[in-house]
């Protein structure tokens, strides 16, 4: 009886196990469009299409974290582009 309950418990807990998140190119393009409209005006013209999903996610995090401080947000976004060599 105990092995049966253990098996039943594992089956019940399986949906709560951590799974790896995966983003499709469609999800990445949606996030890219969201970021491009959420960033401050002076950095809207940067080449967001050239960034991969990880960097777009990083910039999205910056826009959410520094929502009220546009100067800080702009500096950090430019730093991401400098780091990957897209701007000087």
Protein backbone atom coordinates (compact mmCIF):
# COMPACT_ATOMS: atom_id res chain seq x y z
CA UNK A 1 0.00 0.00 0.00
CA UNK A 2 2.84 2.39 0.83
CA UNK A 3 4.48 2.17 -2.66
CA UNK A 4 1.09 2.82 -4.23
CA UNK A 5 0.59 5.97 -2.13
CA UNK A 6 4.10 7.13 -2.89
CA UNK A 7 3.51 6.70 -6.62
CA UNK A 8 0.17 8.46 -6.38
CA UNK A 9 1.79 11.33 -4.48
CA UNK A 10 4.52 11.70 -7.10
CA UNK A 11 1.96 11.73 -9.90
CA UNK A 12 -0.04 14.40 -8.07
CA UNK A 13 3.06 16.56 -7.52
CA UNK A 14 4.35 16.30 -11.09
CA UNK A 15 2.40 19.29 -12.45
CA UNK A 16 4.06 21.47 -9.80
CA UNK A 17 7.59 20.52 -10.85
CA UNK A 18 9.66 23.33 -12.36
CA UNK A 19 9.88 23.30 -16.12
CA UNK A 20 12.18 25.17 -18.43
CA UNK A 21 10.62 28.23 -20.02
CA UNK A 22 10.86 28.43 -23.76
CA UNK A 23 10.13 31.44 -25.91
CA UNK A 24 9.21 31.25 -29.54
CA UNK A 25 10.26 33.84 -32.06
CA UNK A 26 6.69 35.19 -31.97
CA UNK A 27 6.95 35.77 -28.21
CA UNK A 28 10.29 37.49 -28.68
CA UNK A 29 8.89 39.74 -31.41
CA UNK A 30 5.97 40.71 -29.17
CA UNK A 31 8.34 41.56 -26.34
CA UNK A 32 10.53 43.52 -28.75
CA UNK A 33 7.52 45.58 -29.86
CA UNK A 34 6.50 46.17 -26.25
CA UNK A 35 9.99 47.32 -25.33
CA UNK A 36 10.29 49.59 -28.36
CA UNK A 37 7.18 51.49 -27.30
CA UNK A 38 7.99 51.54 -23.56
CA UNK A 39 11.49 53.02 -23.73
CA UNK A 40 12.09 56.79 -23.48
CA UNK A 41 12.01 58.78 -26.71
CA UNK A 42 15.77 59.34 -27.17
CA UNK A 43 16.47 55.57 -27.29
CA UNK A 44 13.49 54.51 -29.41
CA UNK A 45 15.50 54.62 -32.61
CA UNK A 46 18.09 52.07 -31.43
CA UNK A 47 18.22 48.78 -33.39
CA UNK A 48 16.12 46.56 -31.08
CA UNK A 49 15.60 44.07 -33.93
CA UNK A 50 19.33 43.22 -33.74
CA UNK A 51 19.10 42.00 -30.12
CA UNK A 52 18.38 38.41 -29.18
CA UNK A 53 15.54 37.43 -26.83
CA UNK A 54 17.75 37.45 -23.74
CA UNK A 55 18.85 41.04 -24.30
CA UNK A 56 15.32 42.17 -25.12
CA UNK A 57 14.22 40.60 -21.83
CA UNK A 58 17.00 42.46 -20.04
CA UNK A 59 15.89 45.78 -21.52
CA UNK A 60 12.29 44.99 -20.61
CA UNK A 61 13.41 44.45 -17.03
CA UNK A 62 15.19 47.81 -17.12
CA UNK A 63 12.05 49.57 -18.37
CA UNK A 64 10.02 48.06 -15.55
CA UNK A 65 12.65 48.60 -12.84
CA UNK A 66 13.43 52.23 -13.72
CA UNK A 67 9.91 53.14 -14.76
CA UNK A 68 9.95 56.62 -13.24
CA UNK A 69 13.64 57.49 -13.82
CA UNK A 70 13.96 57.99 -17.58
CA UNK A 71 17.53 59.25 -17.37
CA UNK A 72 18.74 56.13 -15.58
CA UNK A 73 16.67 53.95 -17.90
CA UNK A 74 18.18 55.58 -20.97
CA UNK A 75 21.76 55.22 -19.69
CA UNK A 76 21.31 51.55 -18.87
CA UNK A 77 19.66 50.74 -22.19
CA UNK A 78 22.51 52.44 -24.05
CA UNK A 79 24.95 50.42 -21.93
CA UNK A 80 23.32 47.18 -23.12
CA UNK A 81 23.73 48.25 -26.74
CA UNK A 82 27.35 49.28 -26.12
CA UNK A 83 28.09 45.97 -24.43
CA UNK A 84 27.06 44.02 -27.54
CA UNK A 85 28.78 46.49 -29.87
CA UNK A 86 25.74 47.91 -31.64
CA UNK A 87 26.47 51.52 -30.68
CA UNK A 88 29.53 53.40 -29.47
